Structure formats: structure tokens, C-alpha cells
Amino acid sequence: MTSLRARIALLLVASIVGVVALATLAVVSVVRGPAPEATIEPVARQIRLLAQSLPGHVASANDVQVELGDQPAKGQEDERATRFLNRALEHSGAAFPATVVRIEGKPGMVASVQLPDGTWMAVDVPDFSPPANRWLVLSGWITLIVLGATAVSLYFATVLTRPLVMLETAATRIGPDGILAALPEEGSGEVRATARALNQLSSRLKSAMESRMRLVAAAGHDLRTPLTRMRLRAEFLADDEDREKWLHDLEELDRIADSAIRLVREEVDQDAVEPVDLERLVRDIEAEMISLGHAVSIGHLDKVSVKAGALGLRRALRNLIVNAATHGKGCSLSLSATGNHAALTVADRGPGIPPELLGKAFEPFFRVDPGRRQSIPGAGLGLAIAKEIIERYGGTVTLENRAGGGLLQKVVFDAVS
């Protein structure tokens, strides 16, 4: 019984049968008639009373005692029973005044009938009404039915939605590289089939990613040989202006090839994750940028550490800062620790990015203005590589235009206590 369909059918049958059985039992226990001993014993007393009145009867201690007195029996009058008894006596042709009372501590009721001579005769009357706690019993059964049906329904819903939960879990566990984490292939047939399909999808995605990386690396590597030959030929051009143009274009092609190879290495050669002093790392990068002639300044820096690969994180932050210093005419850095998060802000004073292009800024080879390719060095892969590294270590990077002009790059990580 491993099929999800069979298990659902069995659960439905069991829940229906169980609910019907409990409901039937509750109804029977409440509306069933009185027990035989409750009805036969009064009949036996009536027969004995009639036998006592027959001629030739010898009185004994076992005779049914009828109490006679000047007053009716004392107790709490049952108006409903009194009304019924008087109506019954009237219909029988013996319209004697009667009253029915309940005596505390005594089961049943006592009926008092006034005889023609004014004497009151008191006899016991059995109580055939349903038990006093009938509503408590019925409420208990209904509560049991509701709880049982709820438990079965919850289990049924859990079993039914388990494949959907597995899909949701798999989607949330997708890594920065787009690969699904392996799922255990256990449970019902449908659940195992779902897990198996997701694992096969993950394997195919991983193969496709590796194939893409090999293709990019091979293309970047193979470009070096023709680029070298073209550079040698360009060196022998007689026209100085043409030679400079050729060499400039070849240098840009060389940077693009190098960037593609570095992007592949970021995917393959991942350094170990460890606590990294982010404040110290930002100061080191700032000193390096100043030594290279970039206009970089530091604002407020909080002391905070994050979990990441030191080399990879340094490369990512360096790319963001170089991008701001190059395109934004200088930048300022600030680091704040709030709660369990560390936020690094890189603000520049450049033209910013048009709002409709902000979503494309992290795409490989992105340029705000393709016409600036010749004036500003770079292959357009810096932001793409930075985003790849930051998200691999669980961080996020966002871009937004500043109100006073310029671009704001914000990197957020979980802080390490």
C-alpha cells in the first residue's frame, strides 16, 4: 500500500466508516428505549397488586404496600407528569385528583391519588425519561467525532500535499549556481517519483552549467592565440594611427577573454568559507584603490564579520568599488551593523543608471552607453562576477540611483556574532 492514490482512498474509506459508526453509536446511546428491568418490574408490581385483590388471597409480608394517608406524598411536584396523570385518569373514567412528586434521594417518582372517601393513596411510579446527562453524552460523542475527523483530515492533507511541499522546499534550496540540492527518494510511490525527477533535473542542470563553463573557458583560452598573432601583425603596420587603433581593439578583446576566464574560475575554484573581518577588508581595498589613483574615501565603518571566502569576497567588493570609482568619478564607502545584518554601501557621484536599465546592470557585458566602450576600459563583467560571488556566500547586492545624483551600491550579509 505504497501508492499515494491507494492510501488516499483507504483514508477516505476509514474516515467515512469511522464517522458513521461513531454517529450511529451516539444516536443509539441517547434515543434508545428504557432497559427491560425498568419496564418489567412496574408491570410485575401491578400484577401482584391485582393478585392481592383476588378472593381467597392470603396476605403476606411480600405483598405490594400501598400507602394511605390524609395528605399526598411530600416532595417536588413534577407539573408535566402531574398533568399527564390527571389527563389519563380522566380518559379512563376515574377522574380522581392526582399529583406526582419527586422525592430527593429516591429514584423515580411518587404518584398520589385522592380516593372518593378523601384518603390519599401513594404509589411509586418508575421514571422512563432519558438520562439527565444525555446532552453531555451526546456532546462528548460529537466532540470525539469532530476531533477524529480533524485528525484524519490533517493527516490526509499532509499526505496529499507532501509532493507540493517537496517542490517548494526544493525551490527554496536552489543554490546561487542554479543547482537543486539532492532530495531523499523515499516515501510513497508518487513522492519517490517526484524526488527522482527533481534529482534528475538537478543533475542535468549541473551538467549544462559545467558544459557552459567549459565552453566559455575554452573560448577565452582559444582566443589568446589569434589575438597574439594579430597583435604581432599590428605592430608592423606602417600607419601609426591605424596601429594604435588595432592595438586598442586587441587590448579590449584581451580584457574580455580574461574576464570570461575569471568568471569560470569563480564557478570552479571556490575558496573555503570562514569568518571575514569586513571592516578590515574594506580598509585594505580602499588603500589599494588609492594607490592605483582612484578617488575613494571612507565614511563610518562598524566592526563586523561575515561568513564568506576571503579571496572571493575581496574580488567582489573590489569590482564594485572599481566600478564606482571609474564610472562614478570617485566613491565613498560606509559599513553599518544593524541587528544580525551587515550592510556595505558604495556611493558614487556619477551619472547613475537609467531606471529602466537597473535590472540589467548585473548582466554580463552590460553597458549603459555602448558608445563609451572605447573611452572606459573594462569588459562589462565586473558587476556580474561580483553578484555571483556575493550571492554564493548568502549575501545580496542591489543598485539604486541617489536622489542628489550618482549610484548607490548596497551589499548586505548576515553578520557573524
Protein backbone atom coordinates (compact mmCIF):
# COMPACT_ATOMS: atom_id res chain seq x y z
CA MET A 1 0.00 0.00 0.00
CA THR A 2 2.68 2.50 -1.06
CA SER A 3 0.71 4.24 -3.82
CA LEU A 4 -0.50 7.68 -2.82
CA ARG A 5 -3.78 7.07 -4.63
CA ALA A 6 -4.43 3.84 -2.72
CA ARG A 7 -3.50 5.46 0.60
CA ILE A 8 -5.84 8.39 -0.03
CA ALA A 9 -8.69 6.01 -0.93
CA LEU A 10 -8.07 3.95 2.22
CA LEU A 11 -8.02 7.08 4.39
CA LEU A 12 -11.31 8.28 2.91
CA VAL A 13 -13.00 4.91 3.47
CA ALA A 14 -11.67 4.66 7.03
CA SER A 15 -12.75 8.21 7.90
CA ILE A 16 -16.26 7.74 6.46
CA VAL A 17 -16.78 4.40 8.21
CA GLY A 18 -15.42 5.77 11.48
CA VAL A 19 -17.59 8.89 11.43
CA VAL A 20 -20.73 6.90 10.56
CA ALA A 21 -20.01 4.35 13.30
CA LEU A 22 -19.43 6.98 15.97
CA ALA A 23 -22.50 8.97 14.93
CA THR A 24 -24.66 5.83 15.00
CA LEU A 25 -23.35 4.87 18.41
CA ALA A 26 -24.04 8.35 19.76
CA VAL A 27 -27.62 8.38 18.46
CA VAL A 28 -28.35 4.86 19.72
CA SER A 29 -26.99 5.61 23.18
CA VAL A 30 -29.21 8.67 23.54
CA VAL A 31 -32.52 7.72 21.87
CA ARG A 32 -32.72 4.02 22.76
CA GLY A 33 -35.68 2.88 24.87
CA PRO A 34 -35.58 2.10 28.59
CA ALA A 35 -33.86 -1.04 29.84
CA PRO A 36 -36.09 -4.14 30.26
CA GLU A 37 -35.70 -4.15 34.06
CA ALA A 38 -37.07 -0.61 34.13
CA THR A 39 -40.33 -1.63 32.38
CA ILE A 40 -40.93 -5.24 33.53
CA GLU A 41 -40.63 -4.51 37.25
CA PRO A 42 -43.54 -1.99 37.32
CA VAL A 43 -45.65 -4.46 35.35
CA ALA A 44 -44.82 -7.20 37.89
CA ARG A 45 -45.90 -4.93 40.74
CA GLN A 46 -49.20 -4.19 39.03
CA ILE A 47 -49.82 -7.92 38.52
CA ARG A 48 -49.12 -8.63 42.19
CA LEU A 49 -51.37 -5.77 43.22
CA LEU A 50 -54.18 -7.25 41.12
CA ALA A 51 -53.48 -10.69 42.59
CA GLN A 52 -53.79 -9.28 46.11
CA SER A 53 -57.32 -8.13 45.32
CA LEU A 54 -58.49 -11.58 44.17
CA PRO A 55 -60.81 -13.59 46.50
CA GLY A 56 -59.03 -16.14 48.67
CA HIS A 57 -55.68 -14.30 48.69
CA VAL A 58 -53.71 -14.84 51.88
CA ALA A 59 -51.86 -11.72 52.97
CA SER A 60 -48.09 -11.95 53.37
CA ALA A 61 -45.09 -9.74 54.05
CA ASN A 62 -44.20 -9.73 50.35
CA ASP A 63 -47.40 -8.05 49.27
CA VAL A 64 -47.10 -4.74 47.48
CA GLN A 65 -47.61 -2.00 50.01
CA VAL A 66 -49.93 0.84 49.19
CA GLU A 67 -49.54 3.86 51.41
CA LEU A 68 -52.68 5.62 52.50
CA GLY A 69 -52.83 8.98 54.25
CA ASP A 70 -54.66 12.22 54.75
CA GLN A 71 -52.13 14.16 52.65
CA PRO A 72 -50.42 13.48 49.32
CA ALA A 73 -46.75 12.46 49.33
CA LYS A 74 -44.36 15.29 50.08
CA GLY A 75 -41.76 16.32 47.50
CA GLN A 76 -41.01 18.49 44.46
CA GLU A 77 -44.04 18.38 42.19
CA ASP A 78 -43.42 17.38 38.57
CA GLU A 79 -46.00 19.51 36.80
CA ARG A 80 -45.65 17.76 33.48
CA ALA A 81 -46.09 14.28 34.97
CA THR A 82 -49.00 15.52 37.11
CA ARG A 83 -50.76 16.91 34.07
CA PHE A 84 -50.32 13.70 32.12
CA LEU A 85 -51.58 11.54 35.03
CA ASN A 86 -54.70 13.63 35.56
CA ARG A 87 -55.46 13.52 31.84
CA ALA A 88 -55.00 9.75 31.76
CA LEU A 89 -57.30 9.24 34.79
CA GLU A 90 -59.92 11.44 33.19
CA HIS A 91 -59.79 9.46 29.95
CA SER A 92 -60.07 6.19 31.91
CA GLY A 93 -63.26 7.35 33.62
CA ALA A 94 -61.64 7.73 37.08
CA ALA A 95 -61.25 11.46 37.37
CA PHE A 96 -59.58 11.41 40.77
CA PRO A 97 -57.38 14.36 41.77
CA ALA A 98 -53.74 13.29 41.47
CA THR A 99 -50.31 14.75 41.88
CA VAL A 100 -46.82 13.46 41.03
CA VAL A 101 -43.78 14.45 43.05
CA ARG A 102 -40.08 13.69 43.07
CA ILE A 103 -38.54 12.86 46.43
CA GLU A 104 -34.88 13.80 46.89
CA GLY A 105 -32.66 10.73 47.24
CA LYS A 106 -35.33 8.36 45.91
CA PRO A 107 -35.30 7.10 42.31
CA GLY A 108 -38.38 7.52 40.17
CA MET A 109 -41.48 9.44 41.22
CA VAL A 110 -44.39 9.04 43.64
CA ALA A 111 -47.99 9.48 42.45
CA SER A 112 -50.69 10.44 44.97
CA VAL A 113 -54.39 9.87 44.08
CA GLN A 114 -57.29 11.15 46.20
CA LEU A 115 -59.90 8.41 46.67
CA PRO A 116 -63.67 9.13 46.91
CA ASP A 117 -63.51 8.97 50.72
CA GLY A 118 -60.90 11.76 50.75
CA THR A 119 -57.97 9.48 51.52
CA TRP A 120 -54.81 9.90 49.53
CA MET A 121 -53.21 6.75 48.07
CA ALA A 122 -49.48 7.00 47.22
CA VAL A 123 -47.78 4.59 44.77
CA ASP A 124 -44.32 4.53 43.22
CA VAL A 125 -44.01 5.47 39.55
CA PRO A 126 -40.86 4.46 37.59
CA ASP A 127 -39.08 7.25 35.72
CA PHE A 128 -38.82 6.39 32.00
CA SER A 129 -37.35 9.74 30.93
CA PRO A 130 -33.93 9.77 29.21
CA PRO A 131 -30.91 10.04 31.48
CA ALA A 132 -30.23 13.51 32.82
CA ASN A 133 -26.73 13.60 31.34
CA ARG A 134 -27.90 12.68 27.83
CA TRP A 135 -26.81 16.00 26.37
CA LEU A 136 -23.41 15.71 28.00
CA VAL A 137 -23.01 12.24 26.48
CA LEU A 138 -24.13 13.46 23.07
CA SER A 139 -21.76 16.44 23.26
CA GLY A 140 -18.92 14.12 24.17
CA TRP A 141 -19.57 11.89 21.17
CA ILE A 142 -19.89 14.84 18.82
CA THR A 143 -16.61 16.24 20.16
CA LEU A 144 -14.97 12.87 19.62
CA ILE A 145 -16.27 12.73 16.06
CA VAL A 146 -15.03 16.24 15.31
CA LEU A 147 -11.59 15.56 16.78
CA GLY A 148 -11.29 12.25 14.96
CA ALA A 149 -12.39 13.74 11.64
CA THR A 150 -9.99 16.67 12.13
CA ALA A 151 -7.07 14.36 12.85
CA VAL A 152 -7.83 12.21 9.81
CA SER A 153 -8.28 15.30 7.62
CA LEU A 154 -4.99 16.83 8.75
CA TYR A 155 -3.12 13.63 8.10
CA PHE A 156 -4.85 13.26 4.76
CA ALA A 157 -3.99 16.85 3.79
CA THR A 158 -0.37 16.34 4.86
CA VAL A 159 -0.02 13.20 2.77
CA LEU A 160 -1.74 14.79 -0.20
CA THR A 161 0.40 17.94 -0.19
CA ARG A 162 3.72 16.26 0.58
CA PRO A 163 4.87 16.35 -3.09
CA LEU A 164 3.96 20.05 -3.26
CA VAL A 165 5.88 20.73 -0.05
CA MET A 166 8.83 18.86 -1.55
CA LEU A 167 8.68 21.07 -4.66
CA GLU A 168 8.53 24.20 -2.52
CA THR A 169 11.46 23.02 -0.39
CA ALA A 170 13.49 22.17 -3.47
CA ALA A 171 12.80 25.62 -4.95
CA THR A 172 13.93 27.40 -1.77
CA ARG A 173 17.11 25.31 -1.64
CA ILE A 174 18.29 26.27 -5.14
CA GLY A 175 21.85 27.48 -4.81
CA PRO A 176 23.32 30.61 -6.39
CA ASP A 177 24.60 28.42 -9.20
CA GLY A 178 21.04 27.35 -10.06
CA ILE A 179 21.57 23.75 -8.92
CA LEU A 180 18.96 21.93 -6.85
CA ALA A 181 20.03 20.22 -3.65
CA ALA A 182 19.66 16.41 -3.70
CA LEU A 183 16.37 15.13 -2.24
CA PRO A 184 15.90 11.77 -0.45
CA GLU A 185 13.99 9.31 -2.64
CA GLU A 186 11.71 7.78 0.00
CA GLY A 187 8.02 7.68 0.89
CA SER A 188 5.06 6.78 -1.32
CA GLY A 189 5.45 5.98 -4.99
CA GLU A 190 4.42 9.45 -6.12
CA VAL A 191 6.76 11.14 -3.62
CA ARG A 192 9.68 8.96 -4.72
CA ALA A 193 8.90 9.72 -8.37
CA THR A 194 8.82 13.46 -7.65
CA ALA A 195 12.12 13.34 -5.76
CA ARG A 196 13.70 11.25 -8.51
CA ALA A 197 12.55 13.70 -11.22
CA LEU A 198 13.93 16.68 -9.25
CA ASN A 199 17.26 14.93 -8.70
CA GLN A 200 17.49 14.13 -12.41
CA LEU A 201 16.67 17.75 -13.23
CA SER A 202 19.40 18.88 -10.84
CA SER A 203 21.88 16.53 -12.48
CA ARG A 204 21.02 17.81 -15.95
CA LEU A 205 21.28 21.41 -14.78
CA LYS A 206 24.68 20.74 -13.26
CA SER A 207 25.89 19.10 -16.46
CA ALA A 208 24.60 22.04 -18.51
CA MET A 209 26.30 24.53 -16.18
CA GLU A 210 29.59 22.66 -16.33
CA SER A 211 29.33 22.42 -20.11
CA ARG A 212 28.71 26.16 -20.31
CA MET A 213 31.70 26.87 -18.09
CA ARG A 214 33.95 24.63 -20.18
CA LEU A 215 32.71 26.30 -23.35
CA VAL A 216 33.38 29.81 -22.02
CA ALA A 217 36.79 28.83 -20.68
CA ALA A 218 37.75 27.12 -23.92
CA ALA A 219 36.60 30.10 -25.99
CA GLY A 220 38.54 32.54 -23.80
CA HIS A 221 41.66 30.38 -23.92
CA ASP A 222 41.47 29.76 -27.66
CA LEU A 223 41.15 33.49 -28.34
CA ARG A 224 44.60 34.13 -26.93
CA THR A 225 46.49 32.57 -29.82
CA PRO A 226 44.81 34.55 -32.65
CA LEU A 227 44.93 37.69 -30.51
CA THR A 228 48.67 37.27 -30.09
CA ARG A 229 49.14 36.80 -33.85
CA MET A 230 47.00 39.83 -34.61
CA ARG A 231 48.94 41.91 -32.09
CA LEU A 232 52.23 40.94 -33.75
CA ARG A 233 50.87 41.87 -37.17
CA ALA A 234 49.53 45.16 -35.86
CA GLU A 235 52.96 46.07 -34.53
CA PHE A 236 54.29 46.10 -38.12
CA LEU A 237 51.64 48.44 -39.53
CA ALA A 238 53.25 51.48 -41.11
CA ASP A 239 50.48 53.92 -40.23
CA ASP A 240 50.83 54.94 -36.57
CA GLU A 241 47.16 55.88 -36.23
CA ASP A 242 45.93 52.56 -37.63
CA ARG A 243 48.40 50.67 -35.47
CA GLU A 244 47.14 52.39 -32.29
CA LYS A 245 43.51 51.64 -33.19
CA TRP A 246 44.30 47.98 -33.85
CA LEU A 247 46.26 47.63 -30.62
CA HIS A 248 43.49 49.33 -28.64
CA ASP A 249 40.84 46.97 -30.02
CA LEU A 250 43.05 43.96 -29.37
CA GLU A 251 43.61 45.03 -25.79
CA GLU A 252 39.84 45.23 -25.28
CA LEU A 253 39.39 41.76 -26.74
CA ASP A 254 42.13 40.51 -24.42
CA ARG A 255 40.32 42.01 -21.40
CA ILE A 256 37.06 40.35 -22.44
CA ALA A 257 38.79 36.97 -22.74
CA ASP A 258 40.46 37.41 -19.34
CA SER A 259 37.15 38.38 -17.72
CA ALA A 260 35.39 35.33 -19.19
CA ILE A 261 38.12 33.04 -17.84
CA ARG A 262 37.93 34.70 -14.39
CA LEU A 263 34.15 34.22 -14.36
CA VAL A 264 34.63 30.50 -14.98
CA ARG A 265 37.29 30.28 -12.26
CA GLU A 266 34.86 31.88 -9.79
CA GLU A 267 32.48 29.00 -10.51
CA VAL A 268 35.11 26.27 -10.20
CA ASP A 269 37.77 27.49 -7.77
CA GLN A 270 35.74 28.46 -4.72
CA ASP A 271 37.76 29.27 -1.60
CA ALA A 272 36.79 28.00 1.84
CA VAL A 273 34.08 29.81 3.80
CA GLU A 274 35.29 31.39 7.04
CA PRO A 275 34.60 34.46 9.22
CA VAL A 276 35.97 37.52 7.42
CA ASP A 277 36.60 40.87 9.14
CA LEU A 278 34.61 43.07 6.75
CA GLU A 279 35.78 46.34 8.27
CA ARG A 280 39.43 45.42 7.80
CA LEU A 281 38.78 44.13 4.28
CA VAL A 282 37.14 47.42 3.25
CA ARG A 283 40.10 49.42 4.59
CA ASP A 284 42.58 47.20 2.67
CA ILE A 285 40.64 47.66 -0.58
CA GLU A 286 40.43 51.42 -0.01
CA ALA A 287 44.20 51.64 0.45
CA GLU A 288 44.74 49.60 -2.73
CA MET A 289 42.37 51.80 -4.74
CA ILE A 290 44.11 54.98 -3.57
CA SER A 291 47.49 53.55 -4.56
CA LEU A 292 46.09 52.93 -8.05
CA GLY A 293 44.93 56.53 -8.33
CA HIS A 294 41.20 56.07 -7.69
CA ALA A 295 39.25 58.67 -5.69
CA VAL A 296 37.94 56.51 -2.83
CA SER A 297 37.04 57.77 0.63
CA ILE A 298 35.84 56.03 3.79
CA GLY A 299 32.93 57.13 5.96
CA HIS A 300 31.66 55.39 9.09
CA LEU A 301 32.78 51.76 9.42
CA ASP A 302 31.38 49.41 12.07
CA LYS A 303 33.39 46.46 13.31
CA VAL A 304 31.62 43.39 11.91
CA SER A 305 32.47 39.98 10.46
CA VAL A 306 30.66 37.86 7.87
CA LYS A 307 31.00 34.26 6.67
CA ALA A 308 32.49 34.12 3.18
CA GLY A 309 35.55 33.18 1.19
CA ALA A 310 38.18 35.84 1.84
CA LEU A 311 39.63 35.95 -1.69
CA GLY A 312 36.27 35.72 -3.43
CA LEU A 313 34.68 38.42 -1.27
CA ARG A 314 37.69 40.69 -1.80
CA ARG A 315 37.38 40.27 -5.56
CA ALA A 316 33.64 41.01 -5.49
CA LEU A 317 33.94 44.18 -3.37
CA ARG A 318 36.93 45.33 -5.38
CA ASN A 319 34.87 45.04 -8.59
CA LEU A 320 32.04 47.12 -7.10
CA ILE A 321 34.41 49.81 -5.84
CA VAL A 322 36.37 49.93 -9.11
CA ASN A 323 33.08 50.26 -10.99
CA ALA A 324 32.02 53.18 -8.78
CA ALA A 325 35.42 54.89 -8.88
CA THR A 326 35.72 54.50 -12.66
CA HIS A 327 32.18 55.32 -13.83
CA GLY A 328 31.12 57.45 -10.87
CA LYS A 329 34.05 59.87 -10.65
CA GLY A 330 35.06 58.63 -7.20
CA CYS A 331 33.12 56.96 -4.41
CA SER A 332 32.68 56.80 -0.64
CA LEU A 333 32.39 53.65 1.48
CA SER A 334 30.39 53.07 4.66
CA LEU A 335 29.75 49.92 6.70
CA SER A 336 26.96 49.54 9.27
CA ALA A 337 25.97 46.64 11.51
CA THR A 338 22.26 46.53 12.40
CA GLY A 339 20.91 43.56 14.32
CA ASN A 340 22.13 40.41 12.58
CA HIS A 341 22.99 42.11 9.30
CA ALA A 342 26.00 43.93 7.91
CA ALA A 343 25.43 46.46 5.12
CA LEU A 344 28.21 47.92 2.96
CA THR A 345 27.28 50.98 0.92
CA VAL A 346 29.28 52.22 -2.08
CA ALA A 347 28.07 55.67 -3.19
CA ASP A 348 29.45 57.50 -6.23
CA ARG A 349 28.90 60.86 -7.86
CA GLY A 350 28.46 59.71 -11.44
CA PRO A 351 25.51 59.94 -13.86
CA GLY A 352 23.86 56.83 -12.40
CA ILE A 353 21.90 54.29 -14.45
CA PRO A 354 18.56 54.94 -16.18
CA PRO A 355 15.78 53.35 -14.07
CA GLU A 356 14.66 51.10 -16.92
CA LEU A 357 18.19 49.62 -17.14
CA LEU A 358 18.81 48.99 -13.40
CA GLY A 359 17.50 45.44 -13.70
CA LYS A 360 20.03 44.65 -16.45
CA ALA A 361 23.11 46.11 -14.75
CA PHE A 362 24.29 42.72 -13.48
CA GLU A 363 24.05 41.02 -16.86
CA PRO A 364 27.40 40.05 -18.48
CA PHE A 365 28.87 42.66 -20.84
CA PHE A 366 26.30 45.27 -19.75
CA ARG A 367 26.99 48.86 -20.83
CA VAL A 368 24.80 51.89 -20.07
CA ASP A 369 26.07 53.55 -23.23
CA PRO A 370 27.69 51.22 -25.80
CA GLY A 371 29.39 54.26 -27.30
CA ARG A 372 31.55 54.62 -24.13
CA ARG A 373 33.21 51.25 -24.75
CA GLN A 374 36.24 52.89 -26.29
CA SER A 375 36.72 55.56 -23.63
CA ILE A 376 36.27 53.48 -20.46
CA PRO A 377 38.27 50.26 -20.03
CA GLY A 378 36.66 47.02 -18.96
CA ALA A 379 34.74 44.08 -20.40
CA GLY A 380 31.42 44.65 -18.63
CA LEU A 381 31.75 41.57 -16.42
CA GLY A 382 32.75 43.21 -13.12
CA LEU A 383 29.23 43.55 -11.71
CA ALA A 384 28.20 40.11 -12.96
CA ILE A 385 31.19 38.48 -11.22
CA ALA A 386 30.58 40.48 -8.03
CA LYS A 387 26.92 39.44 -7.90
CA GLU A 388 27.86 35.79 -8.50
CA ILE A 389 30.33 35.79 -5.60
CA ILE A 390 28.14 37.73 -3.13
CA GLU A 391 25.06 35.56 -3.67
CA ARG A 392 27.16 32.40 -3.40
CA TYR A 393 28.00 33.38 0.19
CA GLY A 394 24.37 34.20 1.06
CA GLY A 395 24.52 37.96 0.54
CA THR A 396 22.57 40.34 -1.67
CA VAL A 397 23.65 43.28 -3.80
CA THR A 398 21.30 45.99 -5.05
CA LEU A 399 21.61 49.16 -7.10
CA GLU A 400 19.64 52.39 -6.87
CA ASN A 401 20.06 55.93 -8.09
CA ARG A 402 20.83 58.57 -5.48
CA ALA A 403 18.46 61.50 -5.05
CA GLY A 404 21.29 64.03 -5.49
CA GLY A 405 22.83 62.19 -8.45
CA GLY A 406 25.06 59.16 -8.65
CA LEU A 407 24.63 55.47 -7.98
CA LEU A 408 24.26 53.62 -4.68
CA GLN A 409 25.52 50.02 -4.47
CA LYS A 410 24.44 48.18 -1.33
CA VAL A 411 25.76 44.80 -0.19
CA VAL A 412 24.03 43.01 2.73
CA PHE A 413 25.35 39.92 4.58
CA ASP A 414 24.34 38.05 7.72
CA ALA A 415 26.70 39.16 10.47
CA VAL A 416 28.73 36.66 12.49
CA SER A 417 28.50 37.10 16.25
